[in-house]
Amino acid sequence: MKRRNLNLKSLFFNNHSQKSKDVHDRFSGMFATFMLIFVSTFFGAKAQTSIELPAPDKKGGMPLMQALNQRHSSRNFSSKEVTLQQLSNLCWAAWGFNRPEDGKRTAPSSMNKQEIELYVVLKDGAYYYNAREHRLDLIKKGDLRSYCGRQAFVAKAPVNFIYVANMKKAGVNKPEDITPEILMTSYANTGFIAQNTYLASVSEGLVCVVRGSIDKTALEKALELSPLHKVILGHTIGYEK
């Protein structure tokens, strides 16, 4: 009888230990799953603050003379999204580094000041084109396309390039020192970039139109630009309707 009581006691403690182990394992599994979800969510949200662009296709595309022959402006856009590769090619062609070792780019710049900055406004937010890293850095979340121009098609097209002059890079330290002559130089520099965008758009099977009809004050406020950042022109890009 004594041995039987001992066996029952051992059985009780063994079962209790096994149940405790099962509960511990279940809790550990739930905790690990929770941490995985938390970490994935946290770092996933953080990753959305930038868009890593794929390498631009520098060997493909349409022959130059054919692109020049087909270059035109269009104001009829569908809402069809462009691909990430197309966006990469467009950004690099417009204002990327083609001689990164020398800090030189795909468009000329007066005295190589490179004061023009490219902002890319998409449906989900406005981004700054970080040409050095070939990356889009989030400036502001939300659909700001309606701020990019006064025409209705601007808010429908998938992509709006905004060319902004950073006057600090042009050697200006105070807004009151921005002169028409300085702005004229920035307009010329923007023109070179805009032509690159035209040719790249044709090559990608897209259409576009460069525009000056913008409430620049409202757009600068929406993009939260400093007083030394001046919107020069907009460029709407997408598929033709």
Foldseek 3Di string as FASTA:
>chain_A
DVVVVVVVVVVVVVVVVVVVVVVVVVVVVVVVVVVVVVVCVVVVVVVVQKFQADAADPPDFDDPVVLVVPFDADLFFALDADDSNLVLNLVQLLWACPPVVVPDHNADAVVPLPQKWKWKFFQFAIFTQPRNSSMTGGQGTHHPQCQQAVDPSSSRFGIKIWIKGQVVSVVDDDLVPDDPVSLVRSLVRNVRSVVSSRSSLVRSQKHKDKADHGPFVVVCVVSVHDSSMGTRIMMGMHHGD
